[in-house]
């Protein structure tokens, strides 16, 4: 007859109360974290949307320019379209570096303080 043993119990992490969450949200440290995120994400988002809309507008209203041959059968539209993909990946890479360097350490400090109950 086989008996099942329960998995080893993990130490229960401190679950912060609503008041503790509110207190942390109103702290200067959290405000600094939020500011660091917004000062990076918002301008880049606006810039990328403007860049995307420029591509769409050029495609619709500047057909002659977009059809200009760059090399062989490669035209300006293709180059700018591929640049859209490139900038997407570059922004994602840049944000990952920014988050790892500036956001994650601050967020981890707040998280560990809250889970530790200090």
C-alpha atoms as a PDB file:
ATOM      1  CA  UNK A   1       0.000   0.000   0.000  1.00  0.00           C
ATOM      2  CA  UNK A   2       1.520   3.310  -1.140  1.00  0.00           C
ATOM      3  CA  UNK A   3       0.979   6.453   0.842  1.00  0.00           C
ATOM      4  CA  UNK A   4       1.431   9.883  -0.568  1.00  0.00           C
ATOM      5  CA  UNK A   5       3.417  12.338   1.401  1.00  0.00           C
ATOM      6  CA  UNK A   6       2.600  15.993   1.001  1.00  0.00           C
ATOM      7  CA  UNK A   7       5.255  18.235  -0.541  1.00  0.00           C
ATOM      8  CA  UNK A   8       7.490  20.039   1.903  1.00  0.00           C
ATOM      9  CA  UNK A   9       5.894  23.190   3.198  1.00  0.00           C
ATOM     10  CA  UNK A  10       7.358  26.426   1.894  1.00  0.00           C
ATOM     11  CA  UNK A  11       7.723  29.272   4.327  1.00  0.00           C
ATOM     12  CA  UNK A  12       4.722  31.529   3.862  1.00  0.00           C
ATOM     13  CA  UNK A  13       5.736  34.927   2.474  1.00  0.00           C
ATOM     14  CA  UNK A  14       4.365  37.985   4.195  1.00  0.00           C
ATOM     15  CA  UNK A  15       1.281  39.176   2.338  1.00  0.00           C
ATOM     16  CA  UNK A  16       1.053  42.959   2.548  1.00  0.00           C
ATOM     17  CA  UNK A  17      -2.199  44.544   3.580  1.00  0.00           C
ATOM     18  CA  UNK A  18      -4.113  47.091   1.534  1.00  0.00           C
ATOM     19  CA  UNK A  19      -2.824  49.828   3.810  1.00  0.00           C
ATOM     20  CA  UNK A  20       0.772  48.726   3.222  1.00  0.00           C
ATOM     21  CA  UNK A  21       0.235  48.781  -0.554  1.00  0.00           C
ATOM     22  CA  UNK A  22      -1.267  52.258  -0.330  1.00  0.00           C
ATOM     23  CA  UNK A  23       1.607  53.460   1.849  1.00  0.00           C
ATOM     24  CA  UNK A  24       4.202  52.139  -0.594  1.00  0.00           C
ATOM     25  CA  UNK A  25       2.329  53.595  -3.564  1.00  0.00           C
ATOM     26  CA  UNK A  26       2.468  57.037  -1.944  1.00  0.00           C
ATOM     27  CA  UNK A  27       6.155  56.754  -1.008  1.00  0.00           C
ATOM     28  CA  UNK A  28       8.890  58.793  -2.678  1.00  0.00           C
ATOM     29  CA  UNK A  29      10.717  55.585  -3.626  1.00  0.00           C
ATOM     30  CA  UNK A  30       7.721  54.276  -5.586  1.00  0.00           C
ATOM     31  CA  UNK A  31       7.214  57.697  -7.172  1.00  0.00           C
ATOM     32  CA  UNK A  32      10.833  57.628  -8.322  1.00  0.00           C
ATOM     33  CA  UNK A  33      10.331  54.152  -9.806  1.00  0.00           C
ATOM     34  CA  UNK A  34       7.184  55.267 -11.616  1.00  0.00           C
ATOM     35  CA  UNK A  35       8.941  58.413 -12.894  1.00  0.00           C
ATOM     36  CA  UNK A  36      11.914  56.371 -14.166  1.00  0.00           C
ATOM     37  CA  UNK A  37       9.559  54.093 -16.083  1.00  0.00           C
ATOM     38  CA  UNK A  38       7.395  56.858 -17.515  1.00  0.00           C
ATOM     39  CA  UNK A  39      10.307  59.085 -18.526  1.00  0.00           C
ATOM     40  CA  UNK A  40      11.594  56.234 -20.684  1.00  0.00           C
ATOM     41  CA  UNK A  41       8.426  54.542 -21.933  1.00  0.00           C
ATOM     42  CA  UNK A  42       6.202  57.501 -22.792  1.00  0.00           C
ATOM     43  CA  UNK A  43       8.619  59.443 -25.049  1.00  0.00           C
ATOM     44  CA  UNK A  44       9.657  56.284 -26.875  1.00  0.00           C
ATOM     45  CA  UNK A  45       6.049  55.254 -27.371  1.00  0.00           C
ATOM     46  CA  UNK A  46       5.159  58.666 -28.806  1.00  0.00           C
ATOM     47  CA  UNK A  47       8.254  58.638 -31.039  1.00  0.00           C
ATOM     48  CA  UNK A  48       7.519  55.158 -32.355  1.00  0.00           C
ATOM     49  CA  UNK A  49       3.865  55.941 -33.078  1.00  0.00           C
ATOM     50  CA  UNK A  50       4.933  59.114 -34.916  1.00  0.00           C
ATOM     51  CA  UNK A  51       7.490  57.104 -36.907  1.00  0.00           C
ATOM     52  CA  UNK A  52       4.858  54.497 -37.763  1.00  0.00           C
ATOM     53  CA  UNK A  53       2.299  57.132 -38.797  1.00  0.00           C
ATOM     54  CA  UNK A  54       4.928  58.858 -40.930  1.00  0.00           C
ATOM     55  CA  UNK A  55       5.465  55.573 -42.776  1.00  0.00           C
ATOM     56  CA  UNK A  56       1.726  55.104 -43.289  1.00  0.00           C
ATOM     57  CA  UNK A  57       1.251  58.691 -44.486  1.00  0.00           C
ATOM     58  CA  UNK A  58       4.197  58.467 -46.852  1.00  0.00           C
ATOM     59  CA  UNK A  59       2.809  55.205 -48.215  1.00  0.00           C
ATOM     60  CA  UNK A  60      -0.564  56.809 -48.863  1.00  0.00           C
ATOM     61  CA  UNK A  61       0.399  60.278 -50.061  1.00  0.00           C
ATOM     62  CA  UNK A  62       3.986  60.105 -51.339  1.00  0.00           C
ATOM     63  CA  UNK A  63       3.856  57.154 -53.698  1.00  0.00           C
ATOM     64  CA  UNK A  64       6.484  58.620 -56.007  1.00  0.00           C
ATOM     65  CA  UNK A  65       8.966  59.032 -53.168  1.00  0.00           C
ATOM     66  CA  UNK A  66       8.230  55.621 -51.675  1.00  0.00           C
ATOM     67  CA  UNK A  67       8.634  54.020 -55.111  1.00  0.00           C
ATOM     68  CA  UNK A  68      12.112  55.472 -55.592  1.00  0.00           C
ATOM     69  CA  UNK A  69      14.565  52.665 -56.300  1.00  0.00           C
ATOM     70  CA  UNK A  70      17.419  52.375 -53.850  1.00  0.00           C
ATOM     71  CA  UNK A  71      19.203  49.337 -55.280  1.00  0.00           C
ATOM     72  CA  UNK A  72      17.837  46.918 -57.851  1.00  0.00           C
ATOM     73  CA  UNK A  73      14.203  46.208 -57.017  1.00  0.00           C
ATOM     74  CA  UNK A  74      14.569  47.582 -53.486  1.00  0.00           C
ATOM     75  CA  UNK A  75      12.695  50.847 -53.053  1.00  0.00           C
ATOM     76  CA  UNK A  76      12.354  53.395 -50.252  1.00  0.00           C
ATOM     77  CA  UNK A  77       9.075  51.828 -49.072  1.00  0.00           C
ATOM     78  CA  UNK A  78      10.741  48.453 -48.511  1.00  0.00           C
ATOM     79  CA  UNK A  79      13.695  50.004 -46.686  1.00  0.00           C
ATOM     80  CA  UNK A  80      11.424  52.050 -44.403  1.00  0.00           C
ATOM     81  CA  UNK A  81       9.128  49.055 -43.843  1.00  0.00           C
ATOM     82  CA  UNK A  82      12.055  46.898 -42.751  1.00  0.00           C
ATOM     83  CA  UNK A  83      13.267  49.772 -40.586  1.00  0.00           C
ATOM     84  CA  UNK A  84       9.938  49.539 -38.738  1.00  0.00           C
ATOM     85  CA  UNK A  85      10.841  46.003 -37.657  1.00  0.00           C
ATOM     86  CA  UNK A  86      14.379  47.008 -36.780  1.00  0.00           C
ATOM     87  CA  UNK A  87      13.248  49.902 -34.588  1.00  0.00           C
ATOM     88  CA  UNK A  88      10.725  47.663 -32.837  1.00  0.00           C
ATOM     89  CA  UNK A  89      13.456  45.227 -31.836  1.00  0.00           C
ATOM     90  CA  UNK A  90      15.884  48.004 -30.917  1.00  0.00           C
ATOM     91  CA  UNK A  91      13.338  49.672 -28.651  1.00  0.00           C
ATOM     92  CA  UNK A  92      12.550  46.338 -26.956  1.00  0.00           C
ATOM     93  CA  UNK A  93      16.273  45.676 -26.415  1.00  0.00           C
ATOM     94  CA  UNK A  94      16.852  49.212 -25.147  1.00  0.00           C
ATOM     95  CA  UNK A  95      13.927  48.957 -22.742  1.00  0.00           C
ATOM     96  CA  UNK A  96      15.161  45.598 -21.427  1.00  0.00           C
ATOM     97  CA  UNK A  97      18.551  47.169 -20.677  1.00  0.00           C
ATOM     98  CA  UNK A  98      16.935  50.215 -19.071  1.00  0.00           C
ATOM     99  CA  UNK A  99      14.641  48.048 -16.931  1.00  0.00           C
ATOM    100  CA  UNK A 100      17.489  45.787 -15.812  1.00  0.00           C
ATOM    101  CA  UNK A 101      19.701  48.719 -14.882  1.00  0.00           C
ATOM    102  CA  UNK A 102      17.260  51.253 -13.453  1.00  0.00           C
ATOM    103  CA  UNK A 103      13.834  49.761 -12.780  1.00  0.00           C
ATOM    104  CA  UNK A 104      14.405  46.208 -11.590  1.00  0.00           C
ATOM    105  CA  UNK A 105      16.742  47.050  -8.665  1.00  0.00           C
ATOM    106  CA  UNK A 106      14.282  49.658  -7.333  1.00  0.00           C
ATOM    107  CA  UNK A 107      11.295  47.360  -7.814  1.00  0.00           C
ATOM    108  CA  UNK A 108      13.102  44.444  -6.164  1.00  0.00           C
ATOM    109  CA  UNK A 109      13.980  46.615  -3.153  1.00  0.00           C
ATOM    110  CA  UNK A 110      10.337  47.636  -2.735  1.00  0.00           C
ATOM    111  CA  UNK A 111       9.133  44.049  -3.208  1.00  0.00           C
ATOM    112  CA  UNK A 112      11.571  42.538  -0.727  1.00  0.00           C
ATOM    113  CA  UNK A 113      10.756  45.201   1.857  1.00  0.00           C
ATOM    114  CA  UNK A 114       7.032  44.525   1.465  1.00  0.00           C
ATOM    115  CA  UNK A 115       7.368  40.749   1.547  1.00  0.00           C
ATOM    116  CA  UNK A 116       9.698  40.953   4.512  1.00  0.00           C
ATOM    117  CA  UNK A 117       7.146  42.978   6.407  1.00  0.00           C
ATOM    118  CA  UNK A 118       9.687  45.663   7.244  1.00  0.00           C
END
